[in-house]
Amino acid sequence: LMDSVPDMVGAVGAPRLHTTGGPDVARFEDGIATDELQGLRSLGHQMQLLPKFGRVNGFYCPRGLPRVQTCQFVKDPRTFGLAVSSDPS
């Protein structure tokens, strides 16, 4: 069992940043720390602010599957998706 429960809501809702790794365009959402952006610029990346990109849903089951205790299911706040679970019993 992990010592701490991850902040799934915070992780799924965090601002996104993506680059392919080579000096090229780094695309990012508003909210990325200024020092992180400056670090990428210093590596030769051109920076491109996007209003939002990428979609992800998350789930975390501390004891694994099949589920033996409460799991967290989180939908991306950038979408109108749904994150649910059902118990077959």
PDB file of N, CA and C in Angstrom:
ATOM      1  N   LEU A   1       0.847  -1.185   0.000  1.00  0.00           N
ATOM      2  CA  LEU A   1       0.000   0.000   0.000  1.00  0.00           C
ATOM      3  C   LEU A   1       0.886   1.240   0.000  1.00  0.00           C
ATOM      4  N   MET A   2       0.515   2.190  -0.814  1.00  0.00           N
ATOM      5  CA  MET A   2       1.295   3.426  -0.883  1.00  0.00           C
ATOM      6  C   MET A   2       1.115   4.240   0.380  1.00  0.00           C
ATOM      7  N   ASP A   3       2.143   5.015   0.746  1.00  0.00           N
ATOM      8  CA  ASP A   3       2.096   5.832   1.954  1.00  0.00           C
ATOM      9  C   ASP A   3       1.111   6.985   1.841  1.00  0.00           C
ATOM     10  N   SER A   4       0.924   7.482   0.624  1.00  0.00           N
ATOM     11  CA  SER A   4       0.019   8.614   0.461  1.00  0.00           C
ATOM     12  C   SER A   4      -0.878   8.385  -0.748  1.00  0.00           C
ATOM     13  N   VAL A   5      -2.039   8.967  -0.692  1.00  0.00           N
ATOM     14  CA  VAL A   5      -3.002   8.871  -1.788  1.00  0.00           C
ATOM     15  C   VAL A   5      -2.705  10.001  -2.768  1.00  0.00           C
ATOM     16  N   PRO A   6      -2.578   9.687  -4.061  1.00  0.00           N
ATOM     17  CA  PRO A   6      -2.294  10.746  -5.027  1.00  0.00           C
ATOM     18  C   PRO A   6      -3.469  11.708  -5.156  1.00  0.00           C
ATOM     19  N   ASP A   7      -3.172  12.933  -5.490  1.00  0.00           N
ATOM     20  CA  ASP A   7      -4.194  13.945  -5.719  1.00  0.00           C
ATOM     21  C   ASP A   7      -4.652  13.823  -7.171  1.00  0.00           C
ATOM     22  N   MET A   8      -5.570  12.897  -7.421  1.00  0.00           N
ATOM     23  CA  MET A   8      -6.022  12.643  -8.791  1.00  0.00           C
ATOM     24  C   MET A   8      -6.723  13.852  -9.399  1.00  0.00           C
ATOM     25  N   VAL A   9      -7.543  14.539  -8.623  1.00  0.00           N
ATOM     26  CA  VAL A   9      -8.242  15.716  -9.143  1.00  0.00           C
ATOM     27  C   VAL A   9      -7.226  16.771  -9.555  1.00  0.00           C
ATOM     28  N   GLY A  10      -6.225  17.017  -8.716  1.00  0.00           N
ATOM     29  CA  GLY A  10      -5.192  17.995  -9.038  1.00  0.00           C
ATOM     30  C   GLY A  10      -4.362  17.585 -10.243  1.00  0.00           C
ATOM     31  N   ALA A  11      -4.003  16.302 -10.322  1.00  0.00           N
ATOM     32  CA  ALA A  11      -3.173  15.819 -11.427  1.00  0.00           C
ATOM     33  C   ALA A  11      -3.902  15.906 -12.760  1.00  0.00           C
ATOM     34  N   VAL A  12      -5.139  15.471 -12.798  1.00  0.00           N
ATOM     35  CA  VAL A  12      -5.902  15.489 -14.054  1.00  0.00           C
ATOM     36  C   VAL A  12      -6.208  16.922 -14.482  1.00  0.00           C
ATOM     37  N   GLY A  13      -6.409  17.821 -13.528  1.00  0.00           N
ATOM     38  CA  GLY A  13      -6.739  19.202 -13.849  1.00  0.00           C
ATOM     39  C   GLY A  13      -5.549  20.129 -14.029  1.00  0.00           C
ATOM     40  N   ALA A  14      -4.342  19.628 -13.803  1.00  0.00           N
ATOM     41  CA  ALA A  14      -3.145  20.479 -13.894  1.00  0.00           C
ATOM     42  C   ALA A  14      -2.906  20.972 -15.317  1.00  0.00           C
ATOM     43  N   PRO A  15      -2.294  22.155 -15.457  1.00  0.00           N
ATOM     44  CA  PRO A  15      -1.965  22.662 -16.796  1.00  0.00           C
ATOM     45  C   PRO A  15      -1.042  21.680 -17.518  1.00  0.00           C
ATOM     46  N   ARG A  16      -1.235  21.557 -18.815  1.00  0.00           N
ATOM     47  CA  ARG A  16      -0.473  20.608 -19.624  1.00  0.00           C
ATOM     48  C   ARG A  16       0.656  21.291 -20.368  1.00  0.00           C
ATOM     49  N   LEU A  17       1.712  20.546 -20.600  1.00  0.00           N
ATOM     50  CA  LEU A  17       2.858  21.002 -21.371  1.00  0.00           C
ATOM     51  C   LEU A  17       3.349  19.810 -22.174  1.00  0.00           C
ATOM     52  N   HIS A  18       3.653  20.022 -23.449  1.00  0.00           N
ATOM     53  CA  HIS A  18       4.122  18.910 -24.277  1.00  0.00           C
ATOM     54  C   HIS A  18       5.198  19.374 -25.239  1.00  0.00           C
ATOM     55  N   THR A  19       6.233  18.575 -25.351  1.00  0.00           N
ATOM     56  CA  THR A  19       7.272  18.776 -26.348  1.00  0.00           C
ATOM     57  C   THR A  19       7.779  17.402 -26.765  1.00  0.00           C
ATOM     58  N   THR A  20       8.310  17.309 -27.968  1.00  0.00           N
ATOM     59  CA  THR A  20       8.827  16.026 -28.441  1.00  0.00           C
ATOM     60  C   THR A  20      10.240  15.765 -27.944  1.00  0.00           C
ATOM     61  N   GLY A  21      10.875  16.752 -27.332  1.00  0.00           N
ATOM     62  CA  GLY A  21      12.198  16.548 -26.756  1.00  0.00           C
ATOM     63  C   GLY A  21      13.315  17.264 -27.483  1.00  0.00           C
ATOM     64  N   GLY A  22      13.253  17.334 -28.797  1.00  0.00           N
ATOM     65  CA  GLY A  22      14.267  18.063 -29.548  1.00  0.00           C
ATOM     66  C   GLY A  22      13.933  19.540 -29.547  1.00  0.00           C
ATOM     67  N   PRO A  23      14.894  20.395 -29.751  1.00  0.00           N
ATOM     68  CA  PRO A  23      14.543  21.825 -29.832  1.00  0.00           C
ATOM     69  C   PRO A  23      13.523  22.060 -30.942  1.00  0.00           C
ATOM     70  N   ASP A  24      12.334  22.337 -30.544  1.00  0.00           N
ATOM     71  CA  ASP A  24      11.217  22.563 -31.457  1.00  0.00           C
ATOM     72  C   ASP A  24      10.189  23.406 -30.737  1.00  0.00           C
ATOM     73  N   VAL A  25       8.927  23.156 -30.979  1.00  0.00           N
ATOM     74  CA  VAL A  25       7.852  23.906 -30.330  1.00  0.00           C
ATOM     75  C   VAL A  25       7.396  23.156 -29.081  1.00  0.00           C
ATOM     76  N   ALA A  26       7.348  23.853 -27.979  1.00  0.00           N
ATOM     77  CA  ALA A  26       6.776  23.322 -26.740  1.00  0.00           C
ATOM     78  C   ALA A  26       5.411  23.974 -26.582  1.00  0.00           C
ATOM     79  N   ARG A  27       4.383  23.161 -26.594  1.00  0.00           N
ATOM     80  CA  ARG A  27       3.011  23.669 -26.452  1.00  0.00           C
ATOM     81  C   ARG A  27       2.617  23.578 -24.984  1.00  0.00           C
ATOM     82  N   PHE A  28       1.948  24.621 -24.494  1.00  0.00           N
ATOM     83  CA  PHE A  28       1.602  24.640 -23.076  1.00  0.00           C
ATOM     84  C   PHE A  28       0.295  25.365 -22.843  1.00  0.00           C
ATOM     85  N   GLU A  29      -0.341  25.041 -21.728  1.00  0.00           N
ATOM     86  CA  GLU A  29      -1.547  25.728 -21.284  1.00  0.00           C
ATOM     87  C   GLU A  29      -1.167  26.803 -20.277  1.00  0.00           C
ATOM     88  N   ASP A  30      -2.022  27.787 -20.126  1.00  0.00           N
ATOM     89  CA  ASP A  30      -1.809  28.830 -19.139  1.00  0.00           C
ATOM     90  C   ASP A  30      -1.721  28.196 -17.752  1.00  0.00           C
ATOM     91  N   GLY A  31      -0.795  28.669 -16.950  1.00  0.00           N
ATOM     92  CA  GLY A  31      -0.642  28.165 -15.593  1.00  0.00           C
ATOM     93  C   GLY A  31       0.662  27.423 -15.361  1.00  0.00           C
ATOM     94  N   ILE A  32       1.432  27.158 -16.427  1.00  0.00           N
ATOM     95  CA  ILE A  32       2.739  26.529 -16.264  1.00  0.00           C
ATOM     96  C   ILE A  32       3.676  27.554 -15.622  1.00  0.00           C
ATOM     97  N   ALA A  33       4.482  27.120 -14.684  1.00  0.00           N
ATOM     98  CA  ALA A  33       5.389  28.018 -13.968  1.00  0.00           C
ATOM     99  C   ALA A  33       6.351  28.719 -14.932  1.00  0.00           C
ATOM    100  N   THR A  34       6.584  29.996 -14.685  1.00  0.00           N
ATOM    101  CA  THR A  34       7.463  30.812 -15.522  1.00  0.00           C
ATOM    102  C   THR A  34       8.864  30.236 -15.627  1.00  0.00           C
ATOM    103  N   ASP A  35       9.413  29.725 -14.528  1.00  0.00           N
ATOM    104  CA  ASP A  35      10.764  29.159 -14.577  1.00  0.00           C
ATOM    105  C   ASP A  35      10.828  27.905 -15.445  1.00  0.00           C
ATOM    106  N   GLU A  36       9.749  27.117 -15.493  1.00  0.00           N
ATOM    107  CA  GLU A  36       9.711  25.953 -16.378  1.00  0.00           C
ATOM    108  C   GLU A  36       9.721  26.387 -17.843  1.00  0.00           C
ATOM    109  N   LEU A  37       8.934  27.408 -18.154  1.00  0.00           N
ATOM    110  CA  LEU A  37       8.900  27.917 -19.532  1.00  0.00           C
ATOM    111  C   LEU A  37      10.248  28.498 -19.928  1.00  0.00           C
ATOM    112  N   GLN A  38      10.862  29.232 -19.033  1.00  0.00           N
ATOM    113  CA  GLN A  38      12.182  29.820 -19.313  1.00  0.00           C
ATOM    114  C   GLN A  38      13.226  28.722 -19.521  1.00  0.00           C
ATOM    115  N   GLY A  39      13.153  27.665 -18.747  1.00  0.00           N
ATOM    116  CA  GLY A  39      14.071  26.541 -18.913  1.00  0.00           C
ATOM    117  C   GLY A  39      13.946  25.913 -20.287  1.00  0.00           C
ATOM    118  N   LEU A  40      12.738  25.761 -20.779  1.00  0.00           N
ATOM    119  CA  LEU A  40      12.536  25.203 -22.120  1.00  0.00           C
ATOM    120  C   LEU A  40      13.043  26.159 -23.197  1.00  0.00           C
ATOM    121  N   ARG A  41      12.798  27.455 -23.006  1.00  0.00           N
ATOM    122  CA  ARG A  41      13.323  28.446 -23.960  1.00  0.00           C
ATOM    123  C   ARG A  41      14.847  28.374 -24.026  1.00  0.00           C
ATOM    124  N   SER A  42      15.484  28.216 -22.865  1.00  0.00           N
ATOM    125  CA  SER A  42      16.949  28.169 -22.832  1.00  0.00           C
ATOM    126  C   SER A  42      17.498  26.924 -23.536  1.00  0.00           C
ATOM    127  N   LEU A  43      16.665  25.908 -23.697  1.00  0.00           N
ATOM    128  CA  LEU A  43      17.064  24.699 -24.416  1.00  0.00           C
ATOM    129  C   LEU A  43      16.787  24.789 -25.923  1.00  0.00           C
ATOM    130  N   GLY A  44      16.253  25.926 -26.356  1.00  0.00           N
ATOM    131  CA  GLY A  44      16.021  26.145 -27.781  1.00  0.00           C
ATOM    132  C   GLY A  44      14.600  25.930 -28.256  1.00  0.00           C
ATOM    133  N   HIS A  45      13.676  25.702 -27.334  1.00  0.00           N
ATOM    134  CA  HIS A  45      12.279  25.488 -27.726  1.00  0.00           C
ATOM    135  C   HIS A  45      11.581  26.813 -28.011  1.00  0.00           C
ATOM    136  N   GLN A  46      10.772  26.828 -29.044  1.00  0.00           N
ATOM    137  CA  GLN A  46       9.830  27.914 -29.268  1.00  0.00           C
ATOM    138  C   GLN A  46       8.604  27.578 -28.427  1.00  0.00           C
ATOM    139  N   MET A  47       7.998  28.562 -27.797  1.00  0.00           N
ATOM    140  CA  MET A  47       6.869  28.312 -26.913  1.00  0.00           C
ATOM    141  C   MET A  47       5.567  28.695 -27.597  1.00  0.00           C
ATOM    142  N   GLN A  48       4.558  27.837 -27.470  1.00  0.00           N
ATOM    143  CA  GLN A  48       3.251  28.098 -28.065  1.00  0.00           C
ATOM    144  C   GLN A  48       2.174  27.881 -27.004  1.00  0.00           C
ATOM    145  N   LEU A  49       1.515  28.973 -26.619  1.00  0.00           N
ATOM    146  CA  LEU A  49       0.419  28.907 -25.653  1.00  0.00           C
ATOM    147  C   LEU A  49      -0.834  28.432 -26.374  1.00  0.00           C
ATOM    148  N   LEU A  50      -1.480  27.409 -25.833  1.00  0.00           N
ATOM    149  CA  LEU A  50      -2.749  26.917 -26.359  1.00  0.00           C
ATOM    150  C   LEU A  50      -3.806  27.056 -25.276  1.00  0.00           C
ATOM    151  N   PRO A  51      -5.062  27.317 -25.651  1.00  0.00           N
ATOM    152  CA  PRO A  51      -6.100  27.470 -24.631  1.00  0.00           C
ATOM    153  C   PRO A  51      -6.310  26.192 -23.820  1.00  0.00           C
ATOM    154  N   LYS A  52      -6.240  25.046 -24.460  1.00  0.00           N
ATOM    155  CA  LYS A  52      -6.307  23.753 -23.780  1.00  0.00           C
ATOM    156  C   LYS A  52      -5.991  22.673 -24.804  1.00  0.00           C
ATOM    157  N   PHE A  53      -5.418  21.590 -24.336  1.00  0.00           N
ATOM    158  CA  PHE A  53      -5.153  20.458 -25.218  1.00  0.00           C
ATOM    159  C   PHE A  53      -4.979  19.198 -24.399  1.00  0.00           C
ATOM    160  N   GLY A  54      -5.154  18.088 -25.051  1.00  0.00           N
ATOM    161  CA  GLY A  54      -5.027  16.805 -24.374  1.00  0.00           C
ATOM    162  C   GLY A  54      -6.194  16.539 -23.457  1.00  0.00           C
ATOM    163  N   ARG A  55      -6.654  15.336 -23.445  1.00  0.00           N
ATOM    164  CA  ARG A  55      -7.738  14.923 -22.555  1.00  0.00           C
ATOM    165  C   ARG A  55      -7.294  13.658 -21.840  1.00  0.00           C
ATOM    166  N   VAL A  56      -7.645  13.568 -20.568  1.00  0.00           N
ATOM    167  CA  VAL A  56      -7.275  12.382 -19.804  1.00  0.00           C
ATOM    168  C   VAL A  56      -8.296  12.154 -18.699  1.00  0.00           C
ATOM    169  N   ASN A  57      -8.580  10.920 -18.440  1.00  0.00           N
ATOM    170  CA  ASN A  57      -9.344  10.545 -17.261  1.00  0.00           C
ATOM    171  C   ASN A  57      -8.402   9.729 -16.397  1.00  0.00           C
ATOM    172  N   GLY A  58      -8.633   9.703 -15.108  1.00  0.00           N
ATOM    173  CA  GLY A  58      -7.737   8.970 -14.230  1.00  0.00           C
ATOM    174  C   GLY A  58      -8.500   8.105 -13.249  1.00  0.00           C
ATOM    175  N   PHE A  59      -7.840   7.038 -12.825  1.00  0.00           N
ATOM    176  CA  PHE A  59      -8.392   6.255 -11.725  1.00  0.00           C
ATOM    177  C   PHE A  59      -7.247   5.698 -10.894  1.00  0.00           C
ATOM    178  N   TYR A  60      -7.520   5.502  -9.634  1.00  0.00           N
ATOM    179  CA  TYR A  60      -6.516   5.005  -8.703  1.00  0.00           C
ATOM    180  C   TYR A  60      -7.194   4.070  -7.714  1.00  0.00           C
ATOM    181  N   CYS A  61      -6.698   2.854  -7.632  1.00  0.00           N
ATOM    182  CA  CYS A  61      -7.191   1.870  -6.669  1.00  0.00           C
ATOM    183  C   CYS A  61      -6.007   1.466  -5.795  1.00  0.00           C
ATOM    184  N   PRO A  62      -5.956   1.940  -4.550  1.00  0.00           N
ATOM    185  CA  PRO A  62      -4.800   1.719  -3.688  1.00  0.00           C
ATOM    186  C   PRO A  62      -4.402   0.255  -3.522  1.00  0.00           C
ATOM    187  N   ARG A  63      -5.347  -0.631  -3.530  1.00  0.00           N
ATOM    188  CA  ARG A  63      -5.035  -2.056  -3.350  1.00  0.00           C
ATOM    189  C   ARG A  63      -5.138  -2.840  -4.656  1.00  0.00           C
ATOM    190  N   GLY A  64      -5.240  -2.133  -5.764  1.00  0.00           N
ATOM    191  CA  GLY A  64      -5.303  -2.796  -7.053  1.00  0.00           C
ATOM    192  C   GLY A  64      -6.692  -3.291  -7.409  1.00  0.00           C
ATOM    193  N   LEU A  65      -6.738  -4.064  -8.475  1.00  0.00           N
ATOM    194  CA  LEU A  65      -7.987  -4.636  -8.952  1.00  0.00           C
ATOM    195  C   LEU A  65      -7.929  -6.147  -8.777  1.00  0.00           C
ATOM    196  N   PRO A  66      -8.994  -6.885  -8.513  1.00  0.00           N
ATOM    197  CA  PRO A  66     -10.324  -6.300  -8.370  1.00  0.00           C
ATOM    198  C   PRO A  66     -10.399  -5.417  -7.138  1.00  0.00           C
ATOM    199  N   ARG A  67     -11.279  -4.500  -7.202  1.00  0.00           N
ATOM    200  CA  ARG A  67     -11.403  -3.473  -6.183  1.00  0.00           C
ATOM    201  C   ARG A  67     -11.809  -4.055  -4.835  1.00  0.00           C
ATOM    202  N   VAL A  68     -11.027  -3.771  -3.818  1.00  0.00           N
ATOM    203  CA  VAL A  68     -11.351  -4.237  -2.465  1.00  0.00           C
ATOM    204  C   VAL A  68     -11.597  -3.060  -1.521  1.00  0.00           C
ATOM    205  N   GLN A  69     -11.473  -1.875  -2.021  1.00  0.00           N
ATOM    206  CA  GLN A  69     -11.821  -0.687  -1.243  1.00  0.00           C
ATOM    207  C   GLN A  69     -12.121   0.429  -2.228  1.00  0.00           C
ATOM    208  N   THR A  70     -12.418   1.576  -1.745  1.00  0.00           N
ATOM    209  CA  THR A  70     -12.816   2.686  -2.595  1.00  0.00           C
ATOM    210  C   THR A  70     -11.710   3.096  -3.551  1.00  0.00           C
ATOM    211  N   CYS A  71     -12.078   3.262  -4.806  1.00  0.00           N
ATOM    212  CA  CYS A  71     -11.168   3.772  -5.818  1.00  0.00           C
ATOM    213  C   CYS A  71     -11.564   5.206  -6.158  1.00  0.00           C
ATOM    214  N   GLN A  72     -10.615   5.945  -6.702  1.00  0.00           N
ATOM    215  CA  GLN A  72     -10.892   7.307  -7.168  1.00  0.00           C
ATOM    216  C   GLN A  72     -11.043   7.279  -8.678  1.00  0.00           C
ATOM    217  N   PHE A  73     -12.074   7.922  -9.196  1.00  0.00           N
ATOM    218  CA  PHE A  73     -12.299   8.059 -10.625  1.00  0.00           C
ATOM    219  C   PHE A  73     -12.465   9.543 -10.915  1.00  0.00           C
ATOM    220  N   VAL A  74     -11.647  10.077 -11.825  1.00  0.00           N
ATOM    221  CA  VAL A  74     -11.642  11.518 -12.078  1.00  0.00           C
ATOM    222  C   VAL A  74     -11.748  11.776 -13.564  1.00  0.00           C
ATOM    223  N   LYS A  75     -12.657  12.655 -13.953  1.00  0.00           N
ATOM    224  CA  LYS A  75     -12.774  13.052 -15.354  1.00  0.00           C
ATOM    225  C   LYS A  75     -12.028  14.350 -15.585  1.00  0.00           C
ATOM    226  N   ASP A  76     -11.588  14.558 -16.804  1.00  0.00           N
ATOM    227  CA  ASP A  76     -10.856  15.766 -17.166  1.00  0.00           C
ATOM    228  C   ASP A  76     -11.802  16.967 -17.121  1.00  0.00           C
ATOM    229  N   PRO A  77     -11.457  18.021 -16.369  1.00  0.00           N
ATOM    230  CA  PRO A  77     -12.334  19.188 -16.298  1.00  0.00           C
ATOM    231  C   PRO A  77     -12.404  19.956 -17.617  1.00  0.00           C
ATOM    232  N   ARG A  78     -11.537  19.632 -18.590  1.00  0.00           N
ATOM    233  CA  ARG A  78     -11.561  20.302 -19.891  1.00  0.00           C
ATOM    234  C   ARG A  78     -12.652  19.742 -20.795  1.00  0.00           C
ATOM    235  N   THR A  79     -13.323  18.686 -20.363  1.00  0.00           N
ATOM    236  CA  THR A  79     -14.295  18.008 -21.211  1.00  0.00           C
ATOM    237  C   THR A  79     -15.628  17.879 -20.495  1.00  0.00           C
ATOM    238  N   PHE A  80     -16.555  17.279 -21.191  1.00  0.00           N
ATOM    239  CA  PHE A  80     -17.860  16.991 -20.602  1.00  0.00           C
ATOM    240  C   PHE A  80     -17.982  15.498 -20.350  1.00  0.00           C
ATOM    241  N   GLY A  81     -16.853  14.839 -20.130  1.00  0.00           N
ATOM    242  CA  GLY A  81     -16.806  13.395 -19.931  1.00  0.00           C
ATOM    243  C   GLY A  81     -17.398  12.958 -18.608  1.00  0.00           C
ATOM    244  N   LEU A  82     -17.269  11.688 -18.366  1.00  0.00           N
ATOM    245  CA  LEU A  82     -17.850  11.082 -17.173  1.00  0.00           C
ATOM    246  C   LEU A  82     -16.869  10.018 -16.670  1.00  0.00           C
ATOM    247  N   ALA A  83     -16.636   9.965 -15.376  1.00  0.00           N
ATOM    248  CA  ALA A  83     -15.804   8.940 -14.773  1.00  0.00           C
ATOM    249  C   ALA A  83     -16.634   8.273 -13.671  1.00  0.00           C
ATOM    250  N   VAL A  84     -17.038   7.045 -13.916  1.00  0.00           N
ATOM    251  CA  VAL A  84     -17.884   6.329 -12.953  1.00  0.00           C
ATOM    252  C   VAL A  84     -17.374   4.909 -12.766  1.00  0.00           C
ATOM    253  N   SER A  85     -17.937   4.251 -11.791  1.00  0.00           N
ATOM    254  CA  SER A  85     -17.600   2.869 -11.524  1.00  0.00           C
ATOM    255  C   SER A  85     -18.872   2.150 -11.087  1.00  0.00           C
ATOM    256  N   SER A  86     -18.854   0.856 -11.187  1.00  0.00           N
ATOM    257  CA  SER A  86     -19.979   0.068 -10.675  1.00  0.00           C
ATOM    258  C   SER A  86     -19.408  -1.113  -9.911  1.00  0.00           C
ATOM    259  N   ASP A  87     -20.188  -1.617  -8.996  1.00  0.00           N
ATOM    260  CA  ASP A  87     -19.783  -2.769  -8.208  1.00  0.00           C
ATOM    261  C   ASP A  87     -20.702  -3.915  -8.602  1.00  0.00           C
ATOM    262  N   PRO A  88     -20.140  -5.029  -9.127  1.00  0.00           N
ATOM    263  CA  PRO A  88     -20.985  -6.114  -9.600  1.00  0.00           C
ATOM    264  C   PRO A  88     -21.742  -6.866  -8.513  1.00  0.00           C
ATOM    265  N   SER A  89     -21.415  -6.623  -7.263  1.00  0.00           N
ATOM    266  CA  SER A  89     -22.108  -7.368  -6.194  1.00  0.00           C
ATOM    267  C   SER A  89     -23.423  -6.728  -5.807  1.00  0.00           C
TER     268      SER A  89
END
